[in-house]
């Protein structure tokens, strides 16, 4: 039980750093304050939406096909 508590304390330190006066940093570190989608540029949002549409339309390549074409 104590081990769980320690992990929980570490997680809290990562999410909200102590003694931070920077409002923007706090909003980035605490996902409850801000939706990550709002921080993306229009170019990034367009790329994500294009990828989701490609997946929906099954216009994708399998990992095996990429490895075969480009190697590892």
PDB file of N, CA and C in Angstrom:
ATOM      1  N   UNK A   1       0.822  -1.197   0.000  1.00  0.00           N
ATOM      2  CA  UNK A   1       0.000   0.000   0.000  1.00  0.00           C
ATOM      3  C   UNK A   1       0.867   1.262   0.000  1.00  0.00           C
ATOM      4  N   UNK A   2       1.954   1.233   0.763  1.00  0.00           N
ATOM      5  CA  UNK A   2       2.847   2.382   0.816  1.00  0.00           C
ATOM      6  C   UNK A   2       3.500   2.639  -0.543  1.00  0.00           C
ATOM      7  N   UNK A   3       3.845   1.568  -1.257  1.00  0.00           N
ATOM      8  CA  UNK A   3       4.458   1.710  -2.578  1.00  0.00           C
ATOM      9  C   UNK A   3       3.517   2.440  -3.531  1.00  0.00           C
ATOM     10  N   UNK A   4       2.229   2.110  -3.479  1.00  0.00           N
ATOM     11  CA  UNK A   4       1.245   2.781  -4.324  1.00  0.00           C
ATOM     12  C   UNK A   4       1.190   4.267  -3.987  1.00  0.00           C
ATOM     13  N   UNK A   5       1.247   4.588  -2.699  1.00  0.00           N
ATOM     14  CA  UNK A   5       1.193   5.980  -2.286  1.00  0.00           C
ATOM     15  C   UNK A   5       2.398   6.748  -2.829  1.00  0.00           C
ATOM     16  N   UNK A   6       3.574   6.142  -2.786  1.00  0.00           N
ATOM     17  CA  UNK A   6       4.770   6.802  -3.307  1.00  0.00           C
ATOM     18  C   UNK A   6       4.662   7.042  -4.806  1.00  0.00           C
ATOM     19  N   UNK A   7       4.165   6.045  -5.537  1.00  0.00           N
ATOM     20  CA  UNK A   7       3.984   6.225  -6.981  1.00  0.00           C
ATOM     21  C   UNK A   7       2.996   7.348  -7.247  1.00  0.00           C
ATOM     22  N   UNK A   8       1.956   7.398  -6.446  1.00  0.00           N
ATOM     23  CA  UNK A   8       0.941   8.420  -6.595  1.00  0.00           C
ATOM     24  C   UNK A   8       1.533   9.809  -6.352  1.00  0.00           C
ATOM     25  N   UNK A   9       2.397   9.937  -5.342  1.00  0.00           N
ATOM     26  CA  UNK A   9       3.042  11.220  -5.055  1.00  0.00           C
ATOM     27  C   UNK A   9       3.957  11.631  -6.203  1.00  0.00           C
ATOM     28  N   UNK A  10       4.704  10.701  -6.770  1.00  0.00           N
ATOM     29  CA  UNK A  10       5.583  11.017  -7.901  1.00  0.00           C
ATOM     30  C   UNK A  10       4.768  11.501  -9.088  1.00  0.00           C
ATOM     31  N   UNK A  11       3.648  10.832  -9.333  1.00  0.00           N
ATOM     32  CA  UNK A  11       2.793  11.216 -10.454  1.00  0.00           C
ATOM     33  C   UNK A  11       2.284  12.642 -10.261  1.00  0.00           C
ATOM     34  N   UNK A  12       1.890  12.975  -9.049  1.00  0.00           N
ATOM     35  CA  UNK A  12       1.397  14.318  -8.765  1.00  0.00           C
ATOM     36  C   UNK A  12       2.483  15.360  -9.031  1.00  0.00           C
ATOM     37  N   UNK A  13       3.736  15.057  -8.691  1.00  0.00           N
ATOM     38  CA  UNK A  13       4.826  15.994  -8.937  1.00  0.00           C
ATOM     39  C   UNK A  13       5.028  16.208 -10.432  1.00  0.00           C
ATOM     40  N   UNK A  14       4.834  15.158 -11.225  1.00  0.00           N
ATOM     41  CA  UNK A  14       4.991  15.293 -12.672  1.00  0.00           C
ATOM     42  C   UNK A  14       3.859  16.106 -13.276  1.00  0.00           C
ATOM     43  N   UNK A  15       2.665  15.930 -12.746  1.00  0.00           N
ATOM     44  CA  UNK A  15       1.509  16.623 -13.307  1.00  0.00           C
ATOM     45  C   UNK A  15       1.509  18.102 -12.927  1.00  0.00           C
ATOM     46  N   UNK A  16       1.777  18.412 -11.677  1.00  0.00           N
ATOM     47  CA  UNK A  16       1.747  19.802 -11.236  1.00  0.00           C
ATOM     48  C   UNK A  16       3.000  20.104 -10.421  1.00  0.00           C
ATOM     49  N   UNK A  17       4.016  20.697 -11.043  1.00  0.00           N
ATOM     50  CA  UNK A  17       5.254  20.990 -10.335  1.00  0.00           C
ATOM     51  C   UNK A  17       5.032  21.998  -9.207  1.00  0.00           C
ATOM     52  N   UNK A  18       5.761  21.821  -8.098  1.00  0.00           N
ATOM     53  CA  UNK A  18       5.674  22.762  -6.986  1.00  0.00           C
ATOM     54  C   UNK A  18       6.390  24.058  -7.350  1.00  0.00           C
ATOM     55  N   UNK A  19       5.959  25.143  -6.732  1.00  0.00           N
ATOM     56  CA  UNK A  19       6.593  26.455  -6.868  1.00  0.00           C
ATOM     57  C   UNK A  19       6.647  26.945  -8.311  1.00  0.00           C
ATOM     58  N   UNK A  20       5.669  26.602  -9.100  1.00  0.00           N
ATOM     59  CA  UNK A  20       5.652  27.060 -10.486  1.00  0.00           C
ATOM     60  C   UNK A  20       4.785  28.305 -10.589  1.00  0.00           C
ATOM     61  N   UNK A  21       5.373  29.398 -11.072  1.00  0.00           N
ATOM     62  CA  UNK A  21       4.630  30.643 -11.236  1.00  0.00           C
ATOM     63  C   UNK A  21       4.211  30.864 -12.680  1.00  0.00           C
ATOM     64  N   UNK A  22       4.569  29.945 -13.547  1.00  0.00           N
ATOM     65  CA  UNK A  22       4.293  30.104 -14.968  1.00  0.00           C
ATOM     66  C   UNK A  22       2.926  29.505 -15.293  1.00  0.00           C
ATOM     67  N   UNK A  23       1.941  30.351 -15.608  1.00  0.00           N
ATOM     68  CA  UNK A  23       0.568  29.896 -15.866  1.00  0.00           C
ATOM     69  C   UNK A  23       0.498  28.942 -17.058  1.00  0.00           C
ATOM     70  N   UNK A  24       1.236  29.240 -18.137  1.00  0.00           N
ATOM     71  CA  UNK A  24       1.191  28.388 -19.322  1.00  0.00           C
ATOM     72  C   UNK A  24       1.756  27.008 -19.010  1.00  0.00           C
ATOM     73  N   UNK A  25       2.857  26.941 -18.269  1.00  0.00           N
ATOM     74  CA  UNK A  25       3.455  25.656 -17.911  1.00  0.00           C
ATOM     75  C   UNK A  25       2.478  24.837 -17.072  1.00  0.00           C
ATOM     76  N   UNK A  26       1.785  25.476 -16.132  1.00  0.00           N
ATOM     77  CA  UNK A  26       0.817  24.755 -15.312  1.00  0.00           C
ATOM     78  C   UNK A  26      -0.292  24.164 -16.171  1.00  0.00           C
ATOM     79  N   UNK A  27      -0.756  24.903 -17.172  1.00  0.00           N
ATOM     80  CA  UNK A  27      -1.837  24.382 -18.006  1.00  0.00           C
ATOM     81  C   UNK A  27      -1.359  23.231 -18.881  1.00  0.00           C
ATOM     82  N   UNK A  28      -0.073  23.239 -19.272  1.00  0.00           N
ATOM     83  CA  UNK A  28       0.466  22.135 -20.060  1.00  0.00           C
ATOM     84  C   UNK A  28       0.665  20.917 -19.175  1.00  0.00           C
ATOM     85  N   UNK A  29       1.177  21.128 -17.964  1.00  0.00           N
ATOM     86  CA  UNK A  29       1.473  20.017 -17.062  1.00  0.00           C
ATOM     87  C   UNK A  29       0.216  19.398 -16.480  1.00  0.00           C
ATOM     88  N   UNK A  30      -0.845  20.138 -16.378  1.00  0.00           N
ATOM     89  CA  UNK A  30      -2.077  19.608 -15.811  1.00  0.00           C
ATOM     90  C   UNK A  30      -3.118  19.493 -16.917  1.00  0.00           C
ATOM     91  N   UNK A  31      -3.309  18.286 -17.449  1.00  0.00           N
ATOM     92  CA  UNK A  31      -4.218  18.130 -18.587  1.00  0.00           C
ATOM     93  C   UNK A  31      -5.659  18.492 -18.279  1.00  0.00           C
ATOM     94  N   UNK A  32      -6.022  18.596 -17.011  1.00  0.00           N
ATOM     95  CA  UNK A  32      -7.397  18.964 -16.665  1.00  0.00           C
ATOM     96  C   UNK A  32      -7.693  20.418 -17.016  1.00  0.00           C
ATOM     97  N   UNK A  33      -6.655  21.247 -17.107  1.00  0.00           N
ATOM     98  CA  UNK A  33      -6.857  22.670 -17.373  1.00  0.00           C
ATOM     99  C   UNK A  33      -7.041  22.991 -18.847  1.00  0.00           C
ATOM    100  N   UNK A  34      -6.610  22.098 -19.733  1.00  0.00           N
ATOM    101  CA  UNK A  34      -6.612  22.458 -21.143  1.00  0.00           C
ATOM    102  C   UNK A  34      -6.720  21.196 -21.997  1.00  0.00           C
ATOM    103  N   UNK A  35      -7.484  21.282 -23.058  1.00  0.00           N
ATOM    104  CA  UNK A  35      -7.591  20.176 -24.000  1.00  0.00           C
ATOM    105  C   UNK A  35      -6.427  20.285 -24.981  1.00  0.00           C
ATOM    106  N   UNK A  36      -5.678  19.221 -25.185  1.00  0.00           N
ATOM    107  CA  UNK A  36      -4.490  19.261 -26.047  1.00  0.00           C
ATOM    108  C   UNK A  36      -4.846  19.667 -27.468  1.00  0.00           C
ATOM    109  N   UNK A  37      -6.041  19.356 -27.919  1.00  0.00           N
ATOM    110  CA  UNK A  37      -6.452  19.691 -29.282  1.00  0.00           C
ATOM    111  C   UNK A  37      -6.389  21.199 -29.506  1.00  0.00           C
ATOM    112  N   UNK A  38      -6.724  21.974 -28.499  1.00  0.00           N
ATOM    113  CA  UNK A  38      -6.722  23.437 -28.630  1.00  0.00           C
ATOM    114  C   UNK A  38      -5.322  24.008 -28.784  1.00  0.00           C
ATOM    115  N   UNK A  39      -4.297  23.257 -28.397  1.00  0.00           N
ATOM    116  CA  UNK A  39      -2.917  23.728 -28.503  1.00  0.00           C
ATOM    117  C   UNK A  39      -2.293  23.436 -29.863  1.00  0.00           C
ATOM    118  N   UNK A  40      -2.981  22.677 -30.714  1.00  0.00           N
ATOM    119  CA  UNK A  40      -2.440  22.312 -32.020  1.00  0.00           C
ATOM    120  C   UNK A  40      -2.655  23.427 -33.033  1.00  0.00           C
ATOM    121  N   UNK A  41      -1.735  23.517 -33.984  1.00  0.00           N
ATOM    122  CA  UNK A  41      -1.905  24.475 -35.080  1.00  0.00           C
ATOM    123  C   UNK A  41      -2.923  23.902 -36.068  1.00  0.00           C
ATOM    124  N   UNK A  42      -3.406  24.751 -36.953  1.00  0.00           N
ATOM    125  CA  UNK A  42      -4.365  24.284 -37.964  1.00  0.00           C
ATOM    126  C   UNK A  42      -3.734  23.226 -38.865  1.00  0.00           C
ATOM    127  N   UNK A  43      -2.448  23.374 -39.165  1.00  0.00           N
ATOM    128  CA  UNK A  43      -1.741  22.398 -40.001  1.00  0.00           C
ATOM    129  C   UNK A  43      -1.708  21.034 -39.308  1.00  0.00           C
ATOM    130  N   UNK A  44      -1.441  21.025 -38.006  1.00  0.00           N
ATOM    131  CA  UNK A  44      -1.413  19.764 -37.257  1.00  0.00           C
ATOM    132  C   UNK A  44      -2.798  19.125 -37.197  1.00  0.00           C
ATOM    133  N   UNK A  45      -3.824  19.948 -36.961  1.00  0.00           N
ATOM    134  CA  UNK A  45      -5.197  19.433 -36.914  1.00  0.00           C
ATOM    135  C   UNK A  45      -5.600  18.841 -38.261  1.00  0.00           C
ATOM    136  N   UNK A  46      -5.230  19.522 -39.354  1.00  0.00           N
ATOM    137  CA  UNK A  46      -5.546  19.035 -40.695  1.00  0.00           C
ATOM    138  C   UNK A  46      -4.875  17.696 -40.954  1.00  0.00           C
ATOM    139  N   UNK A  47      -3.614  17.559 -40.534  1.00  0.00           N
ATOM    140  CA  UNK A  47      -2.891  16.298 -40.713  1.00  0.00           C
ATOM    141  C   UNK A  47      -3.529  15.152 -39.947  1.00  0.00           C
ATOM    142  N   UNK A  48      -3.945  15.422 -38.726  1.00  0.00           N
ATOM    143  CA  UNK A  48      -4.603  14.386 -37.923  1.00  0.00           C
ATOM    144  C   UNK A  48      -5.923  13.984 -38.561  1.00  0.00           C
ATOM    145  N   UNK A  49      -6.710  14.966 -38.980  1.00  0.00           N
ATOM    146  CA  UNK A  49      -8.007  14.661 -39.595  1.00  0.00           C
ATOM    147  C   UNK A  49      -7.825  13.888 -40.897  1.00  0.00           C
ATOM    148  N   UNK A  50      -6.788  14.238 -41.676  1.00  0.00           N
ATOM    149  CA  UNK A  50      -6.521  13.507 -42.915  1.00  0.00           C
ATOM    150  C   UNK A  50      -6.173  12.053 -42.609  1.00  0.00           C
ATOM    151  N   UNK A  51      -5.349  11.836 -41.583  1.00  0.00           N
ATOM    152  CA  UNK A  51      -4.996  10.474 -41.185  1.00  0.00           C
ATOM    153  C   UNK A  51      -6.200   9.677 -40.723  1.00  0.00           C
ATOM    154  N   UNK A  52      -7.079  10.312 -39.957  1.00  0.00           N
ATOM    155  CA  UNK A  52      -8.289   9.621 -39.498  1.00  0.00           C
ATOM    156  C   UNK A  52      -9.204   9.273 -40.668  1.00  0.00           C
ATOM    157  N   UNK A  53      -9.310  10.194 -41.634  1.00  0.00           N
ATOM    158  CA  UNK A  53     -10.122   9.910 -42.822  1.00  0.00           C
ATOM    159  C   UNK A  53      -9.518   8.781 -43.649  1.00  0.00           C
ATOM    160  N   UNK A  54      -8.184   8.757 -43.766  1.00  0.00           N
ATOM    161  CA  UNK A  54      -7.521   7.663 -44.482  1.00  0.00           C
ATOM    162  C   UNK A  54      -7.829   6.323 -43.813  1.00  0.00           C
ATOM    163  N   UNK A  55      -7.782   6.299 -42.492  1.00  0.00           N
ATOM    164  CA  UNK A  55      -8.086   5.052 -41.777  1.00  0.00           C
ATOM    165  C   UNK A  55      -9.536   4.642 -41.997  1.00  0.00           C
ATOM    166  N   UNK A  56     -10.434   5.611 -41.960  1.00  0.00           N
ATOM    167  CA  UNK A  56     -11.858   5.330 -42.158  1.00  0.00           C
ATOM    168  C   UNK A  56     -12.110   4.761 -43.553  1.00  0.00           C
ATOM    169  N   UNK A  57     -11.411   5.289 -44.550  1.00  0.00           N
ATOM    170  CA  UNK A  57     -11.581   4.846 -45.935  1.00  0.00           C
ATOM    171  C   UNK A  57     -10.667   3.683 -46.297  1.00  0.00           C
ATOM    172  N   UNK A  58      -9.972   3.146 -45.318  1.00  0.00           N
ATOM    173  CA  UNK A  58      -9.036   2.032 -45.500  1.00  0.00           C
ATOM    174  C   UNK A  58      -7.978   2.353 -46.557  1.00  0.00           C
ATOM    175  N   UNK A  59      -7.530   3.587 -46.566  1.00  0.00           N
ATOM    176  CA  UNK A  59      -6.491   4.033 -47.490  1.00  0.00           C
ATOM    177  C   UNK A  59      -5.159   4.102 -46.741  1.00  0.00           C
ATOM    178  N   UNK A  60      -4.749   2.961 -46.198  1.00  0.00           N
ATOM    179  CA  UNK A  60      -3.518   2.886 -45.409  1.00  0.00           C
ATOM    180  C   UNK A  60      -2.683   1.700 -45.864  1.00  0.00           C
ATOM    181  N   UNK A  61      -1.425   1.681 -45.450  1.00  0.00           N
ATOM    182  CA  UNK A  61      -0.535   0.563 -45.735  1.00  0.00           C
ATOM    183  C   UNK A  61      -0.226  -0.161 -44.432  1.00  0.00           C
ATOM    184  N   UNK A  62      -0.118  -1.470 -44.498  1.00  0.00           N
ATOM    185  CA  UNK A  62       0.214  -2.238 -43.302  1.00  0.00           C
ATOM    186  C   UNK A  62       1.684  -2.043 -42.944  1.00  0.00           C
ATOM    187  N   UNK A  63       2.010  -2.318 -41.717  1.00  0.00           N
ATOM    188  CA  UNK A  63       3.392  -2.225 -41.251  1.00  0.00           C
ATOM    189  C   UNK A  63       4.280  -3.170 -42.055  1.00  0.00           C
ATOM    190  N   UNK A  64       3.789  -4.358 -42.357  1.00  0.00           N
ATOM    191  CA  UNK A  64       4.563  -5.333 -43.137  1.00  0.00           C
ATOM    192  C   UNK A  64       4.909  -4.796 -44.527  1.00  0.00           C
ATOM    193  N   UNK A  65       3.972  -4.088 -45.156  1.00  0.00           N
ATOM    194  CA  UNK A  65       4.232  -3.532 -46.486  1.00  0.00           C
ATOM    195  C   UNK A  65       5.307  -2.442 -46.426  1.00  0.00           C
ATOM    196  N   UNK A  66       5.297  -1.639 -45.386  1.00  0.00           N
ATOM    197  CA  UNK A  66       6.303  -0.587 -45.228  1.00  0.00           C
ATOM    198  C   UNK A  66       7.677  -1.200 -44.992  1.00  0.00           C
ATOM    199  N   UNK A  67       7.741  -2.223 -44.133  1.00  0.00           N
ATOM    200  CA  UNK A  67       9.013  -2.906 -43.859  1.00  0.00           C
ATOM    201  C   UNK A  67       9.550  -3.535 -45.142  1.00  0.00           C
ATOM    202  N   UNK A  68       8.662  -4.149 -45.923  1.00  0.00           N
ATOM    203  CA  UNK A  68       9.079  -4.784 -47.179  1.00  0.00           C
ATOM    204  C   UNK A  68       9.635  -3.742 -48.155  1.00  0.00           C
ATOM    205  N   UNK A  69       8.996  -2.573 -48.211  1.00  0.00           N
ATOM    206  CA  UNK A  69       9.410  -1.546 -49.159  1.00  0.00           C
ATOM    207  C   UNK A  69      10.670  -0.799 -48.708  1.00  0.00           C
ATOM    208  N   UNK A  70      10.734  -0.414 -47.437  1.00  0.00           N
ATOM    209  CA  UNK A  70      11.820   0.440 -46.961  1.00  0.00           C
ATOM    210  C   UNK A  70      12.830  -0.269 -46.065  1.00  0.00           C
ATOM    211  N   UNK A  71      12.509  -1.461 -45.630  1.00  0.00           N
ATOM    212  CA  UNK A  71      13.412  -2.179 -44.733  1.00  0.00           C
ATOM    213  C   UNK A  71      13.317  -1.648 -43.315  1.00  0.00           C
ATOM    214  N   UNK A  72      14.162  -2.195 -42.470  1.00  0.00           N
ATOM    215  CA  UNK A  72      14.122  -1.770 -41.073  1.00  0.00           C
ATOM    216  C   UNK A  72      15.421  -1.181 -40.639  1.00  0.00           C
TER     217      UNK A  72
END
